[in-house]
Amino acid sequence: MGILAKDESFDVVSKVNMQEVDNAINQTNKEIQQRYDFKNSKAAVSLEEDALKIVAEDDFRLKSVIDILQTKLLRRQVPIQNLDYGKLENAGGGTVRQMIKLKQGLEAETAKQIIKDVKGLKLKVQSQIMEDQIRISGKNRDDLQQVIAFLREQDYGQELQFTNYR
């Protein structure tokens, strides 16, 4: 009996590095305190569980804070596609608030769509959902690299990373 060729595999994940998010929040708050256009402002960003809370006096300042935050996140390689913006709310004390949820892991619907798209490539690979990530395996490394190249071109509303390539 011959030795079976070992399957190659990789995982499709979507993760946000919380340490980098924390660093970006600190940098954003520091910049707000130093900027002239935010003098005596109540604007601030904070982290509450898996969401960012942004508070400011008005919509205009809130949008400015979000712009600053996005710039800081991008510089720290935090994917801003993984930000899920809540609606603008009045927060009392003459302020407005917006919650931005951080998407960690693949949501079930997204994972199903990815698997369906990968099957549509008609390559000899298997896909399997494992909690909030997908394992894709196959005997041919070129097939796996084709899958990665294909997935990089798609937009699933959050950034995909490819890990545990073996």
Foldseek 3Di string as FASTA:
>chain_A
DDDDQDKWKKKKKFAFDVVLLVVLQVVLQVVLPPDPVNVVWPWGWDDDPQKIKTKTLDPVVSVVSVVSSVVSCVVSVGWPLQWAKDDWADDPPNMIMIIIGGDGAADPVLLVVLQVVLVVVVDQWDWDDDPRMIMIIDSDPVSVVVSVVVVCPDCSSGDIDIGPGD
